[in-house]
Amino acid sequence: MNKFFFIFFCVLFQVSLFAQNSLLDQLSSTDNAEKTKVTSTFKSYKLVNFETPKLVPKQHLNFIVAHRFGTIKNGIDDLFGLDIASTRLQFVYGLTDKINLSFSRSKFKRTYDFGLKYNITNQEKGGFPFTLAGHHLLGINTLYTKELYPSLEFSNRLRSTHQLIVATKINDRLSLELIPTILHDGVVSQDNQDNLQYALGFGGRYLFTKRMGIIADYGLHLNRADNSPFNNVFSLGFEIETGGHVFQLHFSNAQAMYENAFITEATGDWLRRDVFFGFNINRIFDLKSKK
């Protein structure tokens, strides 16, 4: 089963590369015919949890504050989770218009992340129907200790994420994406859970004005252990664009905000009102020298 999903992901990746080469061939063989690139498929670099194909422009820095409170199920006892919080701070730098580098720190398991996101090809009006991007993360868990895991090695602290983001803008209001994902954890919380794990992410945004819309994403964990206490992650929110930043309010059944955690360790249950309220704030800065 594991080999099947690994081959499935590799085939998708090869298809994306073939599509890119095919597109370039079409462009070179066309008599200077111009095809219009589809823009603003998504206005934010993340939906709720999952990444979008949107990239920070060259020599720009995007600062993302992601905040997730505690579960609302306890009601007034902890003010519907407002007394408990988890935060992720992320910096994303546009190395080029097609390559982004990122660094983040999450309170959840005191994790540091180093990331790479890059454009493969773009959706075009009357041409290729998808925008494709790659996304990779290398994380270091600093919470684990020798007292907790006596045989702990540095490799056990490491985890990685590898994703192909396939997005399409259906019309001016609706955009969708599919994200095949491979994850690897140095330590897993279940004895019979594979370190190498697979998932499919789904997401979308629907605009009801030019600056406001509904956002949602879902992660289907494909090889979760049978006795796992965790659930597939589902998140629903509201997005507002206000000039220099994008503000998102949302609910999710995962408190963690990086892929290896929210995909594989979502503890909440929507049917039991065990969900977490949170928000994402994106603020971009132009680092180009002023003349």
Protein backbone atom coordinates (compact mmCIF):
# COMPACT_ATOMS: atom_id res chain seq x y z
CA MET A 1 0.00 0.00 0.00
CA ASN A 2 2.79 2.42 0.90
CA LYS A 3 4.56 1.71 -2.38
CA PHE A 4 1.34 2.34 -4.29
CA PHE A 5 0.86 5.82 -2.83
CA PHE A 6 4.53 6.66 -3.30
CA ILE A 7 4.32 5.68 -6.97
CA PHE A 8 1.04 7.63 -7.28
CA PHE A 9 2.67 10.81 -5.98
CA CYS A 10 5.74 10.35 -8.21
CA VAL A 11 3.50 9.92 -11.26
CA LEU A 12 1.69 13.15 -10.40
CA PHE A 13 5.00 14.95 -10.05
CA GLN A 14 6.22 13.62 -13.39
CA VAL A 15 2.94 14.67 -15.01
CA SER A 16 3.45 18.19 -13.69
CA LEU A 17 6.96 18.33 -15.17
CA PHE A 18 5.68 16.96 -18.48
CA ALA A 19 2.91 19.56 -18.49
CA GLN A 20 5.47 22.29 -17.95
CA ASN A 21 7.67 21.05 -20.80
CA SER A 22 4.63 20.60 -23.05
CA LEU A 23 3.54 24.13 -22.30
CA LEU A 24 6.97 25.51 -23.14
CA ASP A 25 6.95 23.56 -26.40
CA GLN A 26 3.58 25.04 -27.29
CA LEU A 27 4.81 28.54 -26.56
CA SER A 28 7.94 28.13 -28.63
CA SER A 29 6.04 26.69 -31.58
CA THR A 30 3.41 29.44 -31.61
CA ASP A 31 3.92 32.41 -33.91
CA ASN A 32 4.29 34.94 -31.09
CA ALA A 33 0.77 34.13 -29.90
CA GLU A 34 0.23 35.50 -26.41
CA LYS A 35 -1.64 33.52 -23.77
CA THR A 36 -2.84 35.33 -20.69
CA LYS A 37 -1.71 33.94 -17.34
CA VAL A 38 -4.51 33.51 -14.83
CA THR A 39 -3.82 35.63 -11.74
CA SER A 40 -5.19 35.85 -8.19
CA THR A 41 -6.18 32.19 -8.02
CA PHE A 42 -5.81 32.71 -4.27
CA LYS A 43 -5.10 35.99 -2.49
CA SER A 44 -3.38 34.40 0.51
CA TYR A 45 -0.32 32.17 0.72
CA LYS A 46 -2.34 29.72 2.85
CA LEU A 47 -6.01 28.76 2.86
CA VAL A 48 -6.59 27.83 6.50
CA ASN A 49 -3.97 25.15 7.07
CA PHE A 50 -2.82 24.11 3.60
CA GLU A 51 -0.55 26.14 1.34
CA THR A 52 -1.78 27.72 -1.88
CA PRO A 53 0.37 28.13 -5.04
CA LYS A 54 0.67 31.89 -4.43
CA LEU A 55 4.29 33.06 -4.08
CA VAL A 56 5.88 36.07 -2.43
CA PRO A 57 7.39 38.32 -5.16
CA LYS A 58 11.15 38.68 -5.56
CA GLN A 59 12.84 40.64 -2.76
CA HIS A 60 9.64 40.80 -0.71
CA LEU A 61 9.17 39.42 2.80
CA ASN A 62 5.84 38.04 4.00
CA PHE A 63 5.22 37.78 7.74
CA ILE A 64 2.47 35.36 8.79
CA VAL A 65 1.07 35.21 12.31
CA ALA A 66 -1.07 32.09 12.76
CA HIS A 67 -2.92 31.81 16.07
CA ARG A 68 -5.13 28.95 17.23
CA PHE A 69 -6.97 29.09 20.56
CA GLY A 70 -8.10 26.11 22.63
CA THR A 71 -11.19 24.01 21.97
CA ILE A 72 -14.53 25.77 22.32
CA LYS A 73 -16.24 22.69 23.83
CA ASN A 74 -15.45 23.66 27.45
CA GLY A 75 -17.57 26.77 27.14
CA ILE A 76 -17.23 29.55 29.67
CA ASP A 77 -14.78 27.58 31.87
CA ASP A 78 -11.85 28.72 29.71
CA LEU A 79 -13.81 31.38 27.77
CA PHE A 80 -14.43 29.04 24.81
CA GLY A 81 -10.71 28.31 24.47
CA LEU A 82 -9.48 31.91 24.57
CA ASP A 83 -7.43 31.14 27.71
CA ILE A 84 -5.40 28.56 25.75
CA ALA A 85 -3.47 29.31 22.60
CA SER A 86 -0.92 27.99 20.14
CA THR A 87 1.00 30.30 17.80
CA ARG A 88 3.09 29.92 14.66
CA LEU A 89 5.28 32.74 13.36
CA GLN A 90 6.47 32.41 9.75
CA PHE A 91 8.71 34.48 7.51
CA VAL A 92 8.59 33.86 3.74
CA TYR A 93 11.14 35.51 1.44
CA GLY A 94 10.88 35.84 -2.33
CA LEU A 95 14.29 34.69 -3.59
CA THR A 96 12.91 35.06 -7.12
CA ASP A 97 9.39 35.48 -8.46
CA LYS A 98 9.20 31.68 -8.73
CA ILE A 99 11.11 30.53 -5.61
CA ASN A 100 10.29 31.22 -1.95
CA LEU A 101 12.27 30.35 1.17
CA SER A 102 10.64 30.27 4.60
CA PHE A 103 11.42 29.93 8.29
CA SER A 104 8.89 29.41 11.06
CA ARG A 105 8.58 28.59 14.73
CA SER A 106 5.54 26.85 16.23
CA LYS A 107 4.60 26.59 19.88
CA PHE A 108 3.17 23.12 19.18
CA LYS A 109 6.03 20.72 20.08
CA ARG A 110 8.37 23.75 19.96
CA THR A 111 9.03 23.12 16.28
CA TYR A 112 11.25 25.03 13.85
CA ASP A 113 10.62 24.75 10.09
CA PHE A 114 12.71 25.52 7.02
CA GLY A 115 10.66 25.63 3.83
CA LEU A 116 10.87 25.84 0.05
CA LYS A 117 7.98 26.65 -2.31
CA TYR A 118 8.34 27.10 -6.06
CA ASN A 119 6.22 27.63 -9.14
CA ILE A 120 6.16 24.86 -11.76
CA THR A 121 3.72 26.32 -14.26
CA ASN A 122 0.70 28.62 -14.38
CA GLN A 123 -2.91 28.32 -15.45
CA GLU A 124 -3.63 30.18 -18.69
CA LYS A 125 -6.81 31.45 -20.24
CA GLY A 126 -7.48 29.16 -23.15
CA GLY A 127 -4.38 27.11 -22.30
CA PHE A 128 -3.09 24.93 -19.48
CA PRO A 129 -5.90 24.56 -16.91
CA PHE A 130 -3.89 24.39 -13.67
CA THR A 131 -1.34 26.27 -11.64
CA LEU A 132 1.25 23.84 -10.23
CA ALA A 133 3.63 24.46 -7.36
CA GLY A 134 5.93 22.39 -5.16
CA HIS A 135 6.19 22.79 -1.40
CA HIS A 136 8.71 21.19 0.98
CA LEU A 137 9.35 21.56 4.71
CA LEU A 138 12.10 20.28 6.99
CA GLY A 139 11.14 20.54 10.66
CA ILE A 140 13.01 20.11 13.93
CA ASN A 141 11.10 19.13 17.06
CA THR A 142 12.82 20.56 20.14
CA LEU A 143 10.24 19.34 22.69
CA TYR A 144 11.42 15.74 22.90
CA THR A 145 13.98 15.03 25.62
CA LYS A 146 16.25 12.16 26.60
CA GLU A 147 14.11 11.69 29.71
CA LEU A 148 11.04 11.11 27.55
CA TYR A 149 12.89 9.09 24.88
CA PRO A 150 16.11 7.61 26.34
CA SER A 151 17.34 6.39 22.93
CA LEU A 152 16.57 9.72 21.25
CA GLU A 153 18.83 10.72 18.37
CA PHE A 154 18.87 13.95 16.37
CA SER A 155 17.28 12.19 13.39
CA ASN A 156 14.25 11.40 15.58
CA ARG A 157 13.62 15.13 15.95
CA LEU A 158 13.38 15.63 12.19
CA ARG A 159 10.24 15.56 10.09
CA SER A 160 9.59 16.48 6.48
CA THR A 161 6.73 17.39 4.17
CA HIS A 162 6.62 17.12 0.37
CA GLN A 163 3.62 18.44 -1.56
CA LEU A 164 2.46 19.05 -5.10
CA ILE A 165 -0.10 21.88 -5.19
CA VAL A 166 -2.56 21.63 -8.10
CA ALA A 167 -4.85 24.67 -8.25
CA THR A 168 -7.37 26.06 -10.68
CA LYS A 169 -9.42 29.24 -10.86
CA ILE A 170 -12.87 28.17 -12.01
CA ASN A 171 -14.13 31.74 -12.36
CA ASP A 172 -13.70 35.14 -10.70
CA ARG A 173 -15.34 33.84 -7.53
CA LEU A 174 -14.34 30.18 -7.14
CA SER A 175 -10.86 28.65 -6.86
CA LEU A 176 -10.01 25.04 -5.92
CA GLU A 177 -6.88 23.06 -5.14
CA LEU A 178 -5.72 19.46 -4.65
CA ILE A 179 -2.54 18.68 -2.70
CA PRO A 180 -0.99 15.17 -2.78
CA THR A 181 1.28 14.98 0.27
CA ILE A 182 4.08 12.77 1.59
CA LEU A 183 5.10 13.13 5.24
CA HIS A 184 7.87 11.59 7.31
CA ASP A 185 8.19 11.78 11.10
CA GLY A 186 11.25 10.75 13.06
CA VAL A 187 8.98 9.78 15.98
CA VAL A 188 5.30 8.83 15.74
CA SER A 189 2.81 8.82 18.60
CA GLN A 190 1.29 5.42 17.72
CA ASP A 191 3.29 2.17 17.94
CA ASN A 192 1.81 0.77 14.72
CA GLN A 193 1.85 4.05 12.76
CA ASP A 194 4.29 4.17 9.84
CA ASN A 195 6.89 6.91 9.94
CA LEU A 196 6.25 7.48 6.24
CA GLN A 197 2.70 8.73 5.75
CA TYR A 198 0.50 9.89 2.86
CA ALA A 199 -2.37 12.33 2.54
CA LEU A 200 -4.52 14.23 0.08
CA GLY A 201 -5.39 17.84 0.78
CA PHE A 202 -8.45 19.55 -0.70
CA GLY A 203 -9.30 23.22 -0.48
CA GLY A 204 -11.19 26.10 -1.99
CA ARG A 205 -12.17 29.74 -1.76
CA TYR A 206 -15.41 31.40 -2.80
CA LEU A 207 -15.50 35.21 -3.06
CA PHE A 208 -18.80 36.97 -2.46
CA THR A 209 -17.18 40.41 -2.87
CA LYS A 210 -13.85 41.42 -4.41
CA ARG A 211 -12.17 41.45 -0.99
CA MET A 212 -14.12 38.94 1.14
CA GLY A 213 -14.76 35.24 0.81
CA ILE A 214 -15.27 31.83 2.39
CA ILE A 215 -12.25 29.49 2.65
CA ALA A 216 -12.09 25.79 3.55
CA ASP A 217 -9.62 22.91 3.42
CA TYR A 218 -9.63 19.20 4.31
CA GLY A 219 -6.84 16.66 4.77
CA LEU A 220 -7.46 12.97 4.09
CA HIS A 221 -4.84 10.84 5.89
CA LEU A 222 -4.41 7.77 3.67
CA ASN A 223 -2.49 5.37 5.93
CA ARG A 224 -3.52 6.29 9.45
CA ALA A 225 -3.11 3.51 12.01
CA ASP A 226 -6.33 1.59 12.74
CA ASN A 227 -6.33 2.42 16.46
CA SER A 228 -5.31 6.05 16.02
CA PRO A 229 -7.15 8.57 18.25
CA PHE A 230 -6.71 11.32 15.63
CA ASN A 231 -9.10 12.53 12.93
CA ASN A 232 -8.88 13.95 9.45
CA VAL A 233 -8.52 17.72 9.58
CA PHE A 234 -11.29 20.00 8.34
CA SER A 235 -11.19 23.79 8.57
CA LEU A 236 -13.63 26.50 7.59
CA GLY A 237 -13.10 30.25 7.64
CA PHE A 238 -13.65 33.77 6.40
CA GLU A 239 -11.04 35.80 4.48
CA ILE A 240 -10.72 39.58 4.22
CA GLU A 241 -8.21 41.44 2.04
CA THR A 242 -7.41 44.95 3.31
CA GLY A 243 -4.72 46.48 1.14
CA GLY A 244 -1.33 45.43 2.47
CA HIS A 245 -2.46 42.30 4.31
CA VAL A 246 -4.93 39.41 4.27
CA PHE A 247 -6.83 38.58 7.46
CA GLN A 248 -8.44 35.17 8.02
CA LEU A 249 -10.80 34.02 10.78
CA HIS A 250 -11.47 30.29 10.98
CA PHE A 251 -12.43 27.17 12.91
CA SER A 252 -10.49 23.90 12.68
CA ASN A 253 -10.45 20.55 14.46
CA ALA A 254 -6.63 20.76 14.61
CA GLN A 255 -4.80 23.12 16.94
CA ALA A 256 -1.40 22.59 15.33
CA MET A 257 -0.55 24.62 12.22
CA TYR A 258 2.21 22.76 10.36
CA GLU A 259 1.58 19.86 7.97
CA ASN A 260 3.03 16.94 9.92
CA ALA A 261 0.86 17.88 12.90
CA PHE A 262 -2.46 19.14 11.52
CA ILE A 263 -2.68 16.32 8.96
CA THR A 264 -1.67 13.48 11.26
CA GLU A 265 -2.61 14.70 14.77
CA ALA A 266 -5.95 16.51 14.59
CA THR A 267 -7.57 15.79 17.96
CA GLY A 268 -10.85 17.67 17.55
CA ASP A 269 -14.25 16.44 16.39
CA TRP A 270 -16.71 18.78 14.67
CA LEU A 271 -19.69 16.62 15.70
CA ARG A 272 -18.77 17.11 19.37
CA ARG A 273 -18.10 20.87 19.02
CA ASP A 274 -14.47 20.05 19.74
CA VAL A 275 -13.00 22.66 17.39
CA PHE A 276 -10.47 25.47 17.69
CA PHE A 277 -11.00 29.11 16.75
CA GLY A 278 -8.08 30.97 15.23
CA PHE A 279 -6.82 33.52 12.77
CA ASN A 280 -4.05 34.09 10.21
CA ILE A 281 -2.60 37.50 9.42
CA ASN A 282 -0.43 38.06 6.32
CA ARG A 283 1.65 41.23 6.02
CA ILE A 284 4.06 41.71 3.11
CA PHE A 285 7.06 44.05 3.02
CA ASP A 286 8.95 45.31 -0.03
CA LEU A 287 12.68 44.93 0.66
CA LYS A 288 13.85 46.34 -2.67
CA SER A 289 16.25 49.24 -2.30
CA LYS A 290 14.63 52.61 -2.88
CA LYS A 291 16.32 54.92 -5.38
